[in-house]
Amino acid sequence: MSPKLRWMWAATFGVIALDQGTKWLTRALLRERVDEFMLIPGWFGFTHATNRGAAFSMMEDSPHRLTFFLTFTVVAAVVIVVASRLLQTGDRWAAAGLGVLLGGTLGNGIDRAVFGQVTDMIKVAAGSGPLRDWALAQFQTNVWPIFNVADSAIWVGLGIFLLAFLFTRDAGARPLSQHEGPAESSPSLDG
């Protein structure tokens, strides 16, 4: 197995293990919509929530939601694996980003396949002061929708992949700087 694929699969299985472990702990230790453990009161903590839909509970009441989400998970996983195979051998960071993205995608897919819904636990809020007042005025809540490790991994993985793709391309593909000219116009020592 090439180094890029080792990075991708290590990231994928690491995210799945962390995601499923935190979801298991949440289901084991916290009663749904009752218990809350705030690390930073009013700002950050953990609770137990479930989501039958997508982000912001979209499609929560659709009768075809489970079929749609499981199909989307399989298609997304295939696209990510194919994309990883198209990377250059040394694109370890891009491969790791795709692995984190794949781990998040599969983590939520596992929940949907096993439970028919996703377990969420991370709660972030605008706790007090002007930020809280602004959030309440704009959104009628000061709490961001509760999310999980897989949700975070999807965005982090996408970010890692895009940054790696943009900033770690090989030197042969980079644009010329203003101090460099085309190879043909370079002065020659031969005369």
Protein backbone atom coordinates (compact mmCIF):
# COMPACT_ATOMS: atom_id res chain seq x y z
CA MET A 1 0.00 0.00 0.00
CA SER A 2 1.36 3.41 -0.92
CA PRO A 3 2.15 6.01 1.79
CA LYS A 4 -0.72 8.25 0.67
CA LEU A 5 -3.21 5.39 1.08
CA ARG A 6 -1.77 4.50 4.49
CA TRP A 7 -2.36 8.11 5.58
CA MET A 8 -5.88 8.08 4.18
CA TRP A 9 -6.93 4.81 5.80
CA ALA A 10 -5.28 5.69 9.13
CA ALA A 11 -7.20 8.97 9.19
CA THR A 12 -10.44 7.25 8.15
CA PHE A 13 -10.33 4.56 10.83
CA GLY A 14 -9.06 7.00 13.48
CA VAL A 15 -12.03 9.32 12.88
CA ILE A 16 -14.52 6.43 12.85
CA ALA A 17 -13.13 5.10 16.15
CA LEU A 18 -13.23 8.52 17.82
CA ASP A 19 -16.69 9.29 16.43
CA GLN A 20 -18.27 5.97 17.36
CA GLY A 21 -16.56 6.00 20.77
CA THR A 22 -17.90 9.44 21.67
CA LYS A 23 -21.36 8.48 20.42
CA TRP A 24 -21.30 5.28 22.50
CA LEU A 25 -20.24 7.25 25.60
CA THR A 26 -22.97 9.81 24.98
CA ARG A 27 -25.66 7.14 24.68
CA ALA A 28 -24.30 5.31 27.76
CA LEU A 29 -23.82 8.30 30.07
CA LEU A 30 -26.31 11.00 29.11
CA ARG A 31 -30.10 10.80 28.94
CA GLU A 32 -31.37 12.24 25.66
CA ARG A 33 -32.55 15.86 25.89
CA VAL A 34 -32.19 15.75 29.70
CA ASP A 35 -28.57 15.59 30.81
CA GLU A 36 -26.05 18.30 30.03
CA PHE A 37 -22.40 18.55 31.04
CA MET A 38 -21.04 22.05 30.45
CA LEU A 39 -17.25 22.42 30.44
CA ILE A 40 -17.50 26.19 30.03
CA PRO A 41 -20.91 27.16 31.45
CA GLY A 42 -23.03 29.00 28.91
CA TRP A 43 -20.48 28.44 26.10
CA PHE A 44 -19.36 24.84 25.54
CA GLY A 45 -20.33 21.40 26.75
CA PHE A 46 -21.94 18.06 26.02
CA THR A 47 -25.50 16.85 25.88
CA HIS A 48 -27.34 13.97 24.20
CA ALA A 49 -29.40 14.71 21.11
CA THR A 50 -30.43 12.74 18.06
CA ASN A 51 -31.05 13.91 14.53
CA ARG A 52 -33.04 11.94 11.97
CA GLY A 53 -32.26 14.51 9.26
CA ALA A 54 -29.20 16.26 7.91
CA ALA A 55 -27.55 19.47 9.16
CA PHE A 56 -30.02 21.76 10.94
CA SER A 57 -32.51 18.82 10.92
CA MET A 58 -33.21 19.17 7.19
CA MET A 59 -35.34 16.34 5.75
CA GLU A 60 -36.08 15.10 9.27
CA ASP A 61 -39.69 14.23 8.42
CA SER A 62 -39.13 12.93 4.88
CA PRO A 63 -40.34 9.34 4.44
CA HIS A 64 -37.38 8.66 2.13
CA ARG A 65 -34.71 10.27 4.33
CA LEU A 66 -32.96 7.06 5.37
CA THR A 67 -32.72 5.73 1.80
CA PHE A 68 -31.48 9.12 0.60
CA PHE A 69 -28.84 9.49 3.34
CA LEU A 70 -27.52 5.93 3.04
CA THR A 71 -27.32 6.24 -0.76
CA PHE A 72 -25.55 9.58 -0.39
CA THR A 73 -23.09 8.01 2.08
CA VAL A 74 -22.20 5.20 -0.32
CA VAL A 75 -21.83 7.56 -3.32
CA ALA A 76 -19.74 10.04 -1.30
CA ALA A 77 -17.49 7.24 0.00
CA VAL A 78 -16.90 5.93 -3.53
CA VAL A 79 -16.11 9.43 -4.83
CA ILE A 80 -13.65 10.03 -1.97
CA VAL A 81 -11.86 6.69 -2.52
CA VAL A 82 -11.62 7.30 -6.28
CA ALA A 83 -10.31 10.83 -5.65
CA SER A 84 -7.65 9.44 -3.28
CA ARG A 85 -6.40 7.08 -5.98
CA LEU A 86 -5.97 10.02 -8.37
CA LEU A 87 -3.63 11.84 -5.98
CA GLN A 88 0.09 11.81 -6.60
CA THR A 89 2.08 9.33 -4.50
CA GLY A 90 3.51 12.04 -2.23
CA ASP A 91 0.20 13.81 -1.54
CA ARG A 92 0.00 12.54 2.03
CA TRP A 93 -1.75 15.60 3.46
CA ALA A 94 -4.39 15.64 0.73
CA ALA A 95 -4.89 11.90 1.30
CA ALA A 96 -5.17 12.45 5.07
CA GLY A 97 -7.76 15.18 4.46
CA LEU A 98 -9.78 12.80 2.29
CA GLY A 99 -9.42 10.16 5.01
CA VAL A 100 -10.78 12.49 7.68
CA LEU A 101 -13.64 13.43 5.33
CA LEU A 102 -14.36 9.75 4.62
CA GLY A 103 -14.25 8.90 8.33
CA GLY A 104 -16.82 11.58 9.10
CA THR A 105 -19.04 10.48 6.24
CA LEU A 106 -18.91 6.83 7.31
CA GLY A 107 -19.28 7.68 11.00
CA ASN A 108 -22.67 9.30 10.45
CA GLY A 109 -23.55 6.60 7.90
CA ILE A 110 -22.97 3.91 10.54
CA ASP A 111 -25.36 5.68 12.91
CA ARG A 112 -28.03 5.95 10.23
CA ALA A 113 -27.65 2.30 9.20
CA VAL A 114 -27.73 0.98 12.78
CA PHE A 115 -30.06 3.42 14.59
CA GLY A 116 -31.91 5.23 11.80
CA GLN A 117 -30.63 8.53 13.20
CA VAL A 118 -27.41 10.27 14.20
CA THR A 119 -26.27 10.79 17.79
CA ASP A 120 -25.05 14.34 18.49
CA MET A 121 -23.39 15.65 21.64
CA ILE A 122 -21.28 18.78 21.19
CA LYS A 123 -23.06 21.94 22.31
CA VAL A 124 -21.73 25.42 21.55
CA ALA A 125 -23.53 28.60 22.59
CA ALA A 126 -23.03 32.35 22.75
CA GLY A 127 -23.20 32.41 26.52
CA SER A 128 -23.61 36.01 27.61
CA GLY A 129 -23.28 39.67 26.80
CA PRO A 130 -23.60 41.36 23.42
CA LEU A 131 -22.84 38.20 21.43
CA ARG A 132 -25.70 36.36 23.13
CA ASP A 133 -28.05 39.30 22.61
CA TRP A 134 -27.08 39.53 18.92
CA ALA A 135 -27.59 35.77 18.37
CA LEU A 136 -31.00 35.88 20.04
CA ALA A 137 -32.05 38.89 17.95
CA GLN A 138 -30.83 37.35 14.68
CA PHE A 139 -31.64 33.66 15.12
CA GLN A 140 -34.05 33.47 18.11
CA THR A 141 -31.48 31.22 19.82
CA ASN A 142 -27.96 31.56 21.13
CA VAL A 143 -27.18 27.83 20.70
CA TRP A 144 -25.56 26.43 17.56
CA PRO A 145 -27.21 23.18 16.41
CA ILE A 146 -25.76 20.30 18.43
CA PHE A 147 -23.23 18.26 16.41
CA ASN A 148 -20.80 15.34 16.69
CA VAL A 149 -17.22 14.31 15.87
CA ALA A 150 -18.21 13.05 12.40
CA ASP A 151 -19.81 16.41 11.52
CA SER A 152 -16.62 18.19 12.58
CA ALA A 153 -14.45 15.69 10.69
CA ILE A 154 -16.32 16.34 7.45
CA TRP A 155 -15.48 20.06 7.58
CA VAL A 156 -11.95 19.58 8.96
CA GLY A 157 -11.18 16.91 6.35
CA LEU A 158 -12.45 19.12 3.55
CA GLY A 159 -10.32 21.99 4.88
CA ILE A 160 -7.17 19.84 5.12
CA PHE A 161 -7.71 18.50 1.61
CA LEU A 162 -8.27 21.95 0.09
CA LEU A 163 -5.26 23.48 1.87
CA ALA A 164 -3.04 20.55 0.88
CA PHE A 165 -4.30 20.65 -2.68
CA LEU A 166 -3.73 24.41 -2.95
CA PHE A 167 -0.40 24.70 -1.15
CA THR A 168 1.50 21.45 -1.64
CA ARG A 169 1.43 21.05 -5.41
CA ASP A 170 4.83 20.04 -6.81
CA ALA A 171 7.24 22.77 -7.85
CA GLY A 172 6.87 21.96 -11.56
CA ALA A 173 3.23 23.05 -11.50
CA ARG A 174 3.69 26.35 -9.68
CA PRO A 175 3.37 29.66 -11.50
CA LEU A 176 6.50 31.65 -12.29
CA SER A 177 7.42 34.44 -9.89
CA GLN A 178 8.24 37.89 -11.20
CA HIS A 179 11.99 37.10 -10.87
CA GLU A 180 11.76 33.97 -12.98
CA GLY A 181 11.36 33.90 -16.71
CA PRO A 182 10.54 31.05 -19.02
CA ALA A 183 13.29 28.46 -19.36
CA GLU A 184 14.03 29.50 -22.96
CA SER A 185 15.00 33.06 -22.02
CA SER A 186 17.36 32.06 -19.19
CA PRO A 187 20.95 33.08 -19.85
CA SER A 188 23.15 30.17 -20.86
CA LEU A 189 26.68 29.57 -19.72
CA ASP A 190 27.38 27.83 -23.02
CA GLY A 191 27.46 31.04 -25.00
